[in-house]
N, C-alpha and C. Protein backbone atom coordinates (compact mmCIF):
# COMPACT_ATOMS: atom_id res chain seq x y z
N ARG A 1 0.85 -1.17 0.00
CA ARG A 1 0.00 0.00 0.00
C ARG A 1 0.89 1.24 0.00
N ALA A 2 0.69 2.07 -1.01
CA ALA A 2 1.53 3.26 -1.14
C ALA A 2 1.06 4.34 -0.16
N ARG A 3 2.03 4.98 0.40
CA ARG A 3 1.72 6.03 1.36
C ARG A 3 1.79 7.39 0.67
N THR A 4 0.74 8.19 0.83
CA THR A 4 0.73 9.51 0.19
C THR A 4 1.30 10.53 1.16
N ARG A 5 2.08 11.45 0.60
CA ARG A 5 2.69 12.51 1.42
C ARG A 5 1.88 13.78 1.26
N ARG A 6 1.68 14.41 2.34
CA ARG A 6 1.00 15.70 2.28
C ARG A 6 2.06 16.77 2.02
N PRO A 7 1.79 17.64 1.09
CA PRO A 7 2.79 18.66 0.74
C PRO A 7 2.76 19.84 1.70
N THR A 8 2.93 19.58 2.98
CA THR A 8 2.84 20.66 3.97
C THR A 8 3.98 21.65 3.82
N ALA A 9 5.19 21.17 3.51
CA ALA A 9 6.32 22.09 3.36
C ALA A 9 6.11 22.98 2.15
N MET A 10 5.63 22.41 1.06
CA MET A 10 5.39 23.21 -0.14
C MET A 10 4.27 24.22 0.10
N ARG A 11 3.24 23.80 0.82
CA ARG A 11 2.15 24.70 1.14
C ARG A 11 2.65 25.87 1.99
N ALA A 12 3.50 25.59 2.94
CA ALA A 12 4.05 26.64 3.80
C ALA A 12 4.89 27.62 3.00
N VAL A 13 5.69 27.11 2.07
CA VAL A 13 6.52 27.98 1.23
C VAL A 13 5.63 28.86 0.36
N LEU A 14 4.60 28.26 -0.24
CA LEU A 14 3.71 29.04 -1.10
C LEU A 14 2.96 30.12 -0.32
N LEU A 15 2.47 29.77 0.87
CA LEU A 15 1.79 30.77 1.69
C LEU A 15 2.73 31.88 2.12
N SER A 16 3.96 31.54 2.46
CA SER A 16 4.94 32.56 2.84
C SER A 16 5.24 33.48 1.67
N ALA A 17 5.36 32.91 0.47
CA ALA A 17 5.61 33.73 -0.71
C ALA A 17 4.42 34.64 -1.00
N LEU A 18 3.21 34.12 -0.80
CA LEU A 18 2.02 34.92 -1.02
C LEU A 18 1.98 36.10 -0.06
N PHE A 19 2.20 35.85 1.22
CA PHE A 19 2.17 36.92 2.21
C PHE A 19 3.29 37.93 1.98
N ALA A 20 4.44 37.46 1.57
CA ALA A 20 5.56 38.36 1.28
C ALA A 20 5.24 39.26 0.09
N SER A 21 4.60 38.70 -0.94
CA SER A 21 4.28 39.52 -2.11
C SER A 21 3.21 40.54 -1.77
N VAL A 22 2.25 40.17 -0.94
CA VAL A 22 1.22 41.13 -0.53
C VAL A 22 1.86 42.26 0.27
N ALA A 23 2.76 41.92 1.17
CA ALA A 23 3.44 42.93 1.97
C ALA A 23 4.32 43.82 1.10
N ALA A 24 4.92 43.26 0.07
CA ALA A 24 5.80 44.04 -0.80
C ALA A 24 5.04 45.09 -1.59
N PHE A 25 3.78 44.79 -1.94
CA PHE A 25 3.00 45.73 -2.73
C PHE A 25 2.19 46.71 -1.88
N ALA A 26 2.18 46.52 -0.58
CA ALA A 26 1.46 47.44 0.29
C ALA A 26 2.26 48.74 0.41
N PRO A 27 1.57 49.88 0.49
CA PRO A 27 2.31 51.14 0.62
C PRO A 27 2.98 51.22 1.98
N PRO A 28 4.13 51.84 2.03
CA PRO A 28 4.80 52.00 3.34
C PRO A 28 3.93 52.86 4.25
N THR A 29 3.78 52.44 5.48
CA THR A 29 2.89 53.15 6.39
C THR A 29 3.42 54.53 6.74
N ALA A 30 4.71 54.75 6.69
CA ALA A 30 5.27 56.05 7.03
C ALA A 30 4.93 57.09 5.96
N LEU A 31 4.69 56.67 4.72
CA LEU A 31 4.43 57.60 3.64
C LEU A 31 2.95 57.84 3.38
N VAL A 32 2.10 57.06 4.02
CA VAL A 32 0.67 57.21 3.80
C VAL A 32 0.18 58.39 4.64
N PRO A 33 -0.42 59.40 3.98
CA PRO A 33 -0.89 60.55 4.75
C PRO A 33 -2.06 60.17 5.63
N ARG A 34 -2.12 60.78 6.75
CA ARG A 34 -3.20 60.52 7.68
C ARG A 34 -4.41 61.34 7.28
N VAL A 35 -5.56 60.67 7.14
CA VAL A 35 -6.78 61.34 6.73
C VAL A 35 -7.59 61.66 7.97
N VAL A 36 -7.98 62.91 8.09
CA VAL A 36 -8.80 63.33 9.21
C VAL A 36 -10.26 63.15 8.81
N ASP A 37 -11.03 62.53 9.67
CA ASP A 37 -12.43 62.30 9.38
C ASP A 37 -13.18 63.62 9.25
N ALA A 38 -13.89 63.77 8.13
CA ALA A 38 -14.71 64.95 7.91
C ALA A 38 -16.09 64.71 8.48
N PRO A 39 -16.81 65.78 8.76
CA PRO A 39 -18.19 65.59 9.23
C PRO A 39 -19.01 64.83 8.18
N LEU A 40 -20.04 64.15 8.63
CA LEU A 40 -20.86 63.32 7.76
C LEU A 40 -21.47 64.13 6.62
N THR A 41 -21.89 65.35 6.89
CA THR A 41 -22.52 66.14 5.83
C THR A 41 -21.55 66.44 4.71
N LYS A 42 -20.29 66.72 5.03
CA LYS A 42 -19.30 66.96 3.98
C LYS A 42 -19.07 65.70 3.17
N ALA A 43 -19.04 64.57 3.83
CA ALA A 43 -18.85 63.30 3.12
C ALA A 43 -20.02 63.03 2.18
N LEU A 44 -21.23 63.31 2.64
CA LEU A 44 -22.40 63.08 1.79
C LEU A 44 -22.41 64.02 0.59
N VAL A 45 -22.00 65.26 0.80
CA VAL A 45 -21.94 66.21 -0.31
C VAL A 45 -20.90 65.76 -1.33
N LEU A 46 -19.74 65.33 -0.86
CA LEU A 46 -18.70 64.86 -1.77
C LEU A 46 -19.15 63.63 -2.54
N ARG A 47 -19.92 62.79 -1.91
CA ARG A 47 -20.35 61.54 -2.51
C ARG A 47 -21.57 61.74 -3.41
N GLY A 48 -22.15 62.90 -3.40
CA GLY A 48 -23.33 63.14 -4.22
C GLY A 48 -24.62 62.94 -3.45
N GLY A 49 -24.54 62.83 -2.14
CA GLY A 49 -25.73 62.75 -1.31
C GLY A 49 -26.03 61.39 -0.72
N GLY A 50 -25.44 60.32 -1.24
CA GLY A 50 -25.76 58.99 -0.76
C GLY A 50 -25.04 58.64 0.53
N VAL A 51 -25.69 57.82 1.33
CA VAL A 51 -25.07 57.34 2.57
C VAL A 51 -23.98 56.32 2.25
N ILE A 52 -24.21 55.52 1.22
CA ILE A 52 -23.17 54.62 0.74
C ILE A 52 -22.81 55.04 -0.68
N SER A 53 -21.68 54.62 -1.16
CA SER A 53 -21.26 55.02 -2.50
C SER A 53 -21.95 54.18 -3.57
N LYS A 54 -22.03 54.74 -4.76
CA LYS A 54 -22.61 54.02 -5.89
C LYS A 54 -21.76 52.80 -6.23
N GLU A 55 -20.45 52.89 -5.99
CA GLU A 55 -19.55 51.76 -6.23
C GLU A 55 -19.86 50.62 -5.28
N THR A 56 -20.17 50.94 -4.03
CA THR A 56 -20.53 49.90 -3.06
C THR A 56 -21.82 49.21 -3.47
N PHE A 57 -22.79 49.99 -3.93
CA PHE A 57 -24.04 49.42 -4.41
C PHE A 57 -23.78 48.48 -5.60
N ALA A 58 -22.98 48.94 -6.55
CA ALA A 58 -22.67 48.11 -7.73
C ALA A 58 -21.96 46.83 -7.32
N THR A 59 -21.01 46.92 -6.41
CA THR A 59 -20.28 45.74 -5.96
C THR A 59 -21.20 44.77 -5.25
N THR A 60 -22.11 45.28 -4.45
CA THR A 60 -23.08 44.43 -3.76
C THR A 60 -23.95 43.68 -4.77
N LEU A 61 -24.38 44.38 -5.82
CA LEU A 61 -25.18 43.71 -6.85
C LEU A 61 -24.37 42.66 -7.59
N VAL A 62 -23.12 42.97 -7.89
CA VAL A 62 -22.28 42.00 -8.61
C VAL A 62 -22.16 40.71 -7.80
N VAL A 63 -21.91 40.84 -6.51
CA VAL A 63 -21.74 39.65 -5.67
C VAL A 63 -23.07 38.91 -5.49
N SER A 64 -24.10 39.63 -5.06
CA SER A 64 -25.38 38.99 -4.76
C SER A 64 -26.02 38.40 -6.02
N ASN A 65 -26.19 39.23 -7.03
CA ASN A 65 -26.83 38.74 -8.26
C ASN A 65 -25.95 37.76 -9.00
N GLY A 66 -24.63 37.94 -8.90
CA GLY A 66 -23.71 37.00 -9.54
C GLY A 66 -23.85 35.59 -8.99
N LEU A 67 -24.04 35.48 -7.69
CA LEU A 67 -24.24 34.16 -7.09
C LEU A 67 -25.55 33.52 -7.58
N PHE A 68 -26.60 34.32 -7.67
CA PHE A 68 -27.86 33.80 -8.21
C PHE A 68 -27.68 33.42 -9.68
N GLY A 69 -27.02 34.27 -10.45
CA GLY A 69 -26.81 33.99 -11.87
C GLY A 69 -26.02 32.72 -12.11
N LEU A 70 -24.97 32.51 -11.31
CA LEU A 70 -24.18 31.28 -11.45
C LEU A 70 -25.03 30.05 -11.17
N GLN A 71 -25.89 30.13 -10.17
CA GLN A 71 -26.74 28.98 -9.85
C GLN A 71 -27.77 28.73 -10.95
N PHE A 72 -28.35 29.79 -11.49
CA PHE A 72 -29.28 29.61 -12.62
C PHE A 72 -28.58 28.97 -13.81
N LEU A 73 -27.34 29.37 -14.07
CA LEU A 73 -26.62 28.87 -15.22
C LEU A 73 -26.09 27.45 -15.01
N LEU A 74 -25.49 27.18 -13.87
CA LEU A 74 -24.76 25.93 -13.67
C LEU A 74 -25.58 24.81 -13.03
N ILE A 75 -26.46 25.15 -12.12
CA ILE A 75 -27.22 24.11 -11.40
C ILE A 75 -28.71 24.48 -11.33
N PRO A 76 -29.35 24.70 -12.47
CA PRO A 76 -30.73 25.20 -12.44
C PRO A 76 -31.72 24.26 -11.76
N LYS A 77 -31.62 22.95 -11.99
CA LYS A 77 -32.56 22.02 -11.37
C LYS A 77 -32.48 22.08 -9.85
N PHE A 78 -31.26 21.98 -9.34
CA PHE A 78 -31.06 22.04 -7.89
C PHE A 78 -31.51 23.38 -7.34
N PHE A 79 -31.12 24.45 -8.00
CA PHE A 79 -31.43 25.80 -7.52
C PHE A 79 -32.93 26.03 -7.43
N ILE A 80 -33.65 25.68 -8.48
CA ILE A 80 -35.09 25.92 -8.49
C ILE A 80 -35.81 24.96 -7.54
N SER A 81 -35.30 23.72 -7.43
CA SER A 81 -35.94 22.77 -6.51
C SER A 81 -35.77 23.17 -5.05
N GLN A 82 -34.80 24.05 -4.76
CA GLN A 82 -34.67 24.55 -3.39
C GLN A 82 -35.88 25.39 -2.99
N PHE A 83 -36.47 26.07 -3.96
CA PHE A 83 -37.52 27.03 -3.66
C PHE A 83 -38.93 26.60 -4.05
N PHE A 84 -39.06 25.59 -4.94
CA PHE A 84 -40.38 25.19 -5.43
C PHE A 84 -40.49 23.67 -5.51
N GLU A 85 -41.71 23.17 -5.31
CA GLU A 85 -42.01 21.75 -5.44
C GLU A 85 -42.53 21.46 -6.85
N LYS A 86 -41.77 21.77 -7.84
CA LYS A 86 -42.19 21.58 -9.23
C LYS A 86 -41.17 20.74 -9.97
N GLU A 87 -41.63 19.94 -10.90
CA GLU A 87 -40.75 19.16 -11.76
C GLU A 87 -40.41 20.03 -12.97
N LEU A 88 -39.13 20.15 -13.28
CA LEU A 88 -38.69 21.01 -14.37
C LEU A 88 -38.54 20.22 -15.66
N ASP A 89 -38.98 20.81 -16.76
CA ASP A 89 -38.79 20.20 -18.07
C ASP A 89 -37.67 20.95 -18.81
N ALA A 90 -37.37 20.51 -20.02
CA ALA A 90 -36.28 21.10 -20.80
C ALA A 90 -36.53 22.58 -21.08
N PHE A 91 -37.79 22.95 -21.26
CA PHE A 91 -38.15 24.33 -21.53
C PHE A 91 -37.75 25.25 -20.37
N HIS A 92 -38.10 24.84 -19.14
CA HIS A 92 -37.77 25.63 -17.97
C HIS A 92 -36.27 25.66 -17.71
N LEU A 93 -35.59 24.55 -17.95
CA LEU A 93 -34.13 24.53 -17.79
C LEU A 93 -33.46 25.47 -18.79
N PHE A 94 -33.98 25.51 -20.01
CA PHE A 94 -33.46 26.42 -21.02
C PHE A 94 -33.57 27.87 -20.53
N PHE A 95 -34.76 28.24 -20.05
CA PHE A 95 -34.95 29.61 -19.60
C PHE A 95 -34.14 29.92 -18.35
N ALA A 96 -33.99 28.98 -17.46
CA ALA A 96 -33.18 29.20 -16.26
C ALA A 96 -31.73 29.50 -16.64
N ARG A 97 -31.18 28.71 -17.55
CA ARG A 97 -29.80 28.95 -17.99
C ARG A 97 -29.68 30.27 -18.74
N PHE A 98 -30.67 30.58 -19.56
CA PHE A 98 -30.69 31.84 -20.30
C PHE A 98 -30.72 33.02 -19.34
N ILE A 99 -31.54 32.93 -18.30
CA ILE A 99 -31.62 33.98 -17.28
C ILE A 99 -30.28 34.10 -16.56
N GLY A 100 -29.64 32.97 -16.28
CA GLY A 100 -28.32 33.01 -15.64
C GLY A 100 -27.31 33.79 -16.47
N VAL A 101 -27.32 33.58 -17.79
CA VAL A 101 -26.42 34.33 -18.67
C VAL A 101 -26.74 35.82 -18.61
N LEU A 102 -28.02 36.17 -18.64
CA LEU A 102 -28.41 37.58 -18.58
C LEU A 102 -27.98 38.23 -17.26
N ILE A 103 -28.18 37.53 -16.16
CA ILE A 103 -27.79 38.07 -14.86
C ILE A 103 -26.28 38.28 -14.80
N LEU A 104 -25.52 37.30 -15.27
CA LEU A 104 -24.07 37.43 -15.25
C LEU A 104 -23.60 38.53 -16.20
N GLY A 105 -24.30 38.71 -17.31
CA GLY A 105 -23.98 39.81 -18.22
C GLY A 105 -24.18 41.16 -17.55
N GLN A 106 -25.27 41.30 -16.81
CA GLN A 106 -25.50 42.55 -16.08
C GLN A 106 -24.41 42.76 -15.04
N CYS A 107 -24.01 41.70 -14.37
CA CYS A 107 -22.94 41.81 -13.37
C CYS A 107 -21.64 42.28 -14.02
N ALA A 108 -21.33 41.74 -15.19
CA ALA A 108 -20.12 42.15 -15.90
C ALA A 108 -20.18 43.63 -16.27
N LEU A 109 -21.34 44.09 -16.74
CA LEU A 109 -21.48 45.50 -17.08
C LEU A 109 -21.32 46.39 -15.85
N LEU A 110 -21.91 45.97 -14.74
CA LEU A 110 -21.77 46.74 -13.50
C LEU A 110 -20.31 46.82 -13.06
N LYS A 111 -19.55 45.79 -13.35
CA LYS A 111 -18.15 45.75 -12.93
C LYS A 111 -17.26 46.62 -13.82
N VAL A 112 -17.53 46.69 -15.13
CA VAL A 112 -16.62 47.39 -16.04
C VAL A 112 -17.05 48.81 -16.40
N CYS A 113 -18.32 49.13 -16.24
CA CYS A 113 -18.80 50.48 -16.59
C CYS A 113 -18.76 51.39 -15.37
N PRO A 114 -18.64 52.69 -15.58
CA PRO A 114 -18.61 53.63 -14.45
C PRO A 114 -19.91 53.57 -13.64
N SER A 115 -19.78 53.65 -12.33
CA SER A 115 -20.94 53.56 -11.44
C SER A 115 -21.93 54.69 -11.67
N GLU A 116 -21.43 55.87 -12.03
CA GLU A 116 -22.33 56.99 -12.31
C GLU A 116 -23.26 56.69 -13.48
N THR A 117 -22.76 55.93 -14.46
CA THR A 117 -23.54 55.58 -15.64
C THR A 117 -24.54 54.47 -15.33
N THR A 118 -24.12 53.47 -14.58
CA THR A 118 -24.94 52.28 -14.36
C THR A 118 -25.88 52.38 -13.17
N PHE A 119 -25.67 53.37 -12.31
CA PHE A 119 -26.40 53.39 -11.03
C PHE A 119 -27.91 53.39 -11.21
N LEU A 120 -28.47 54.36 -11.91
CA LEU A 120 -29.93 54.47 -12.00
C LEU A 120 -30.56 53.27 -12.72
N PRO A 121 -30.03 52.83 -13.88
CA PRO A 121 -30.61 51.62 -14.49
C PRO A 121 -30.51 50.40 -13.58
N ALA A 122 -29.40 50.27 -12.85
CA ALA A 122 -29.24 49.12 -11.95
C ALA A 122 -30.24 49.18 -10.80
N LEU A 123 -30.46 50.36 -10.26
CA LEU A 123 -31.42 50.51 -9.16
C LEU A 123 -32.83 50.19 -9.63
N ILE A 124 -33.23 50.75 -10.78
CA ILE A 124 -34.57 50.50 -11.32
C ILE A 124 -34.73 49.01 -11.63
N THR A 125 -33.71 48.40 -12.23
CA THR A 125 -33.77 46.98 -12.55
C THR A 125 -33.89 46.14 -11.29
N GLN A 126 -33.13 46.48 -10.26
CA GLN A 126 -33.16 45.70 -9.02
C GLN A 126 -34.54 45.77 -8.37
N ILE A 127 -35.16 46.95 -8.37
CA ILE A 127 -36.50 47.08 -7.80
C ILE A 127 -37.50 46.28 -8.62
N ALA A 128 -37.41 46.38 -9.96
CA ALA A 128 -38.32 45.65 -10.84
C ALA A 128 -38.14 44.14 -10.69
N VAL A 129 -36.89 43.69 -10.60
CA VAL A 129 -36.63 42.26 -10.41
C VAL A 129 -37.20 41.79 -9.08
N GLY A 130 -37.05 42.60 -8.05
CA GLY A 130 -37.60 42.23 -6.75
C GLY A 130 -39.10 42.06 -6.77
N ILE A 131 -39.78 42.95 -7.50
CA ILE A 131 -41.25 42.89 -7.58
C ILE A 131 -41.70 41.74 -8.48
N MET A 132 -41.11 41.65 -9.68
CA MET A 132 -41.56 40.65 -10.66
C MET A 132 -40.97 39.26 -10.41
N GLY A 133 -39.92 39.16 -9.60
CA GLY A 133 -39.29 37.87 -9.34
C GLY A 133 -39.71 37.29 -8.00
N PRO A 134 -38.87 37.44 -6.99
CA PRO A 134 -39.15 36.79 -5.70
C PRO A 134 -40.46 37.20 -5.04
N LEU A 135 -40.82 38.49 -5.11
CA LEU A 135 -42.07 38.90 -4.45
C LEU A 135 -43.29 38.31 -5.14
N LYS A 136 -43.33 38.37 -6.46
CA LYS A 136 -44.47 37.78 -7.20
C LYS A 136 -44.53 36.27 -6.95
N ALA A 137 -43.36 35.61 -6.94
CA ALA A 137 -43.35 34.18 -6.66
C ALA A 137 -43.86 33.90 -5.25
N GLN A 138 -43.47 34.75 -4.30
CA GLN A 138 -43.90 34.58 -2.92
C GLN A 138 -45.43 34.68 -2.81
N LEU A 139 -46.01 35.59 -3.56
CA LEU A 139 -47.45 35.83 -3.46
C LEU A 139 -48.31 34.92 -4.33
N THR A 140 -47.73 34.33 -5.39
CA THR A 140 -48.58 33.61 -6.34
C THR A 140 -48.17 32.17 -6.63
N LEU A 141 -46.97 31.73 -6.30
CA LEU A 141 -46.50 30.42 -6.74
C LEU A 141 -46.33 29.38 -5.64
N ASP A 142 -46.67 29.69 -4.42
CA ASP A 142 -46.57 28.75 -3.32
C ASP A 142 -45.16 28.16 -3.19
N PRO A 143 -44.17 29.00 -2.90
CA PRO A 143 -42.80 28.51 -2.76
C PRO A 143 -42.59 27.78 -1.43
N LYS A 144 -41.45 27.08 -1.35
CA LYS A 144 -41.09 26.43 -0.08
C LYS A 144 -40.75 27.52 0.93
N MET A 145 -41.24 27.30 2.13
CA MET A 145 -40.97 28.27 3.19
C MET A 145 -40.15 27.61 4.28
N PRO A 146 -39.31 28.27 4.97
CA PRO A 146 -38.98 29.69 4.91
C PRO A 146 -37.84 30.01 3.93
N ILE A 147 -37.32 29.00 3.23
CA ILE A 147 -36.13 29.20 2.40
C ILE A 147 -36.36 30.25 1.31
N HIS A 148 -37.58 30.36 0.80
CA HIS A 148 -37.82 31.33 -0.27
C HIS A 148 -37.75 32.77 0.22
N LEU A 149 -37.82 32.98 1.51
CA LEU A 149 -37.67 34.34 2.03
C LEU A 149 -36.26 34.88 1.77
N PHE A 150 -35.28 33.99 1.61
CA PHE A 150 -33.91 34.44 1.37
C PHE A 150 -33.80 35.29 0.09
N PRO A 151 -34.26 34.83 -1.09
CA PRO A 151 -34.16 35.71 -2.26
C PRO A 151 -35.04 36.95 -2.15
N VAL A 152 -36.19 36.85 -1.49
CA VAL A 152 -37.05 38.02 -1.33
C VAL A 152 -36.31 39.09 -0.53
N ILE A 153 -35.76 38.69 0.60
CA ILE A 153 -35.05 39.64 1.47
C ILE A 153 -33.79 40.16 0.77
N THR A 154 -33.04 39.28 0.13
CA THR A 154 -31.79 39.68 -0.52
C THR A 154 -32.02 40.73 -1.59
N VAL A 155 -33.01 40.51 -2.44
CA VAL A 155 -33.28 41.46 -3.53
C VAL A 155 -33.68 42.82 -2.98
N PHE A 156 -34.50 42.83 -1.95
CA PHE A 156 -34.95 44.12 -1.43
C PHE A 156 -33.90 44.80 -0.54
N VAL A 157 -33.05 44.05 0.11
CA VAL A 157 -31.93 44.66 0.83
C VAL A 157 -30.99 45.35 -0.17
N CYS A 158 -30.72 44.67 -1.28
CA CYS A 158 -29.88 45.29 -2.33
C CYS A 158 -30.54 46.54 -2.89
N ALA A 159 -31.84 46.51 -3.12
CA ALA A 159 -32.56 47.70 -3.60
C ALA A 159 -32.49 48.81 -2.55
N GLY A 160 -32.62 48.44 -1.27
CA GLY A 160 -32.50 49.43 -0.21
C GLY A 160 -31.14 50.09 -0.16
N LEU A 161 -30.10 49.29 -0.40
CA LEU A 161 -28.76 49.87 -0.46
C LEU A 161 -28.65 50.86 -1.62
N GLY A 162 -29.32 50.53 -2.72
CA GLY A 162 -29.33 51.46 -3.85
C GLY A 162 -30.01 52.77 -3.50
N LEU A 163 -31.10 52.69 -2.75
CA LEU A 163 -31.79 53.92 -2.32
C LEU A 163 -30.91 54.73 -1.37
N LEU A 164 -30.11 54.05 -0.56
CA LEU A 164 -29.18 54.77 0.33
C LEU A 164 -28.06 55.43 -0.45
N ALA A 165 -27.77 54.93 -1.63
CA ALA A 165 -26.71 55.52 -2.45
C ALA A 165 -27.25 56.63 -3.35
N PHE A 166 -28.56 56.82 -3.37
CA PHE A 166 -29.19 57.80 -4.27
C PHE A 166 -28.82 59.21 -3.88
């Protein structure tokens, strides 16, 4: 019976190299100017009025919607069966994967386009998706409970963050 060796020494070397490279690219702390906290109103004026930045809203959408999009694209049967007691046919699987591609496409656009350009369409889309997607399903399709509350809450929390960035 052959004995397998765990590459613990190699792992340690690789982790040390990773940490060293991260430290090498970090700015020297002596040269970083100290920023004095401005009053909240000045920060809001500089940011355009939002409590959170438009970039934070976009990043939140990329992560949250990206995870949903990946599941629609890669594991549609499992993903949909988590929320509904329905048997899926080829037609529904086709649309689930198609929706996954669309969601991931929107995430890519949010990542590469300026937040000032994408903010309002992304906010309107997020609100519309929340109403026409999880909320409509919650009210009309008899989803599994309480697990279906997760997409309902997630979509509207993301929309709320968008309103805070407005």
